[in-house]
Amino acid sequence: MRPRAYLDPMPVRGRIARPQPKGLPLINMGFNELPYPPAPKVAEALALAAQRAQSYGSPHNDALRAALGARNGLASDQIICGNGSEELLDVIARVFARPGDEILISEFGYIQFALTANRVGASLIKASEQAFTSDIDALVAAVTERTRILFLANPNNPTGTMVPLAELARLARTLPPTVVLVLDLAYGEFAPEGYCAQVHGLVAEHENVAVTRTFSKAYGLAGARVGWCHGPDWMIPLLYAARGMGTVNALAQAAACAALDEMDVVASRVREIVSERHRLAAALTTLGFTVLPSQANFLLISPPDGTPETTEALVEHLFDTAGIIVNRTREAGLERFLRFSLSRAAHNDLLLETVRAFLDGPP
């Protein structure tokens, strides 16, 4: 007899774990990270904070919330920070969902949404998509009296596709006020300028809308693990009740504050990634790949013959030939796709060169 577990095991996405056969340095383009080192002020802030590593950071992230509020035109008391936005998604689920409840997501929604539903014992409901893009009508139609939360990443991961702002506003207007609508903007900075600010405006218009953001993507602080949530006044104290104390460590708080003071660097890096996104999408389309229209810092692609076997062979070829790590996408319905994050131009050129060699076949 064994102890009883209250969670169901979840599949772990397979990644290449064997050594690179040629001894080449690895180029990891599989985690949607930025390829740049910390900006100067961020590096300095980390070094200074490390000298005080014996001390806790602010448990309520006072300086960071003030900086976020000032940067985004929001009230700091409507902001809560966490150990990445993933922690805050879990916190929201713990506050609003229990076994027997339903958490609603789009068909190819972010994997963290499924993990979160499993952790609280809620039923995960998926609404069908149109052209690998969230379908607002399908989401609304899937709402039942048991629906407690609707998680929607926009732009979405892993597809990169995006629902127009007008559709998000229609969803917020149509959804029952008893359902929490969580709009995850992890990749919002890579969408058209001004998009994030407009989404935050929905929080002011609706008592049941919350927005989650992260420093892991556009700010290049994936290793620091800093996320934040903007919600209505009544919701934030409830989220604090479920969030751990001091989950954003002192070094992470210092780095995030410094990053908000380096917006020129952030904007420049985002522009470069978006430019590379357009360039790689065009080049791969010319080679016959299916390339989903992305508003994120990655592309989801399928090789010309559209078979999962060819996709798997290409994943292995990129690793064996060039040391490039990309992401297998094995969710049902996405088996023929792989995902890679945009990197520096030289890395992206190497990926294209390696893909062309794969399509050409053995010499």
Foldseek 3Di string as FASTA:
>chain_A
DDDDDQFDDDDDFDFDDDQQVVNFDADEFAPQFAFDDADPLLVVLLVVVVVVQVDWADQQLVLLLVLVCVLQVHDSLLKGKFLALLLLLLLVCVLWHAAVAEEEEAPPADVSNVVSCRVRNHHYHYFYDDLPEGDLVRRLVPDDPRAAEYEYEACGPPAQDGDDPVSVLVSQVRHPLNHAYEYEDQFVVLADPPPVSSLLVVQVVHQRYKYKYGCRHLVRPVVQRMIMMGHDNVCSVSSVVRGDGRRRGPSSSSSSSSSSVPVVVSNVSSVQLSVQVVVLVVLQVVQQWDWRDHSGQKIKIAHNVQDLVLVVVLQVQCCNPPNYHWGQDCDVPRSRIIMTGGYPPVVSVSSSVSVVDVVVPDD
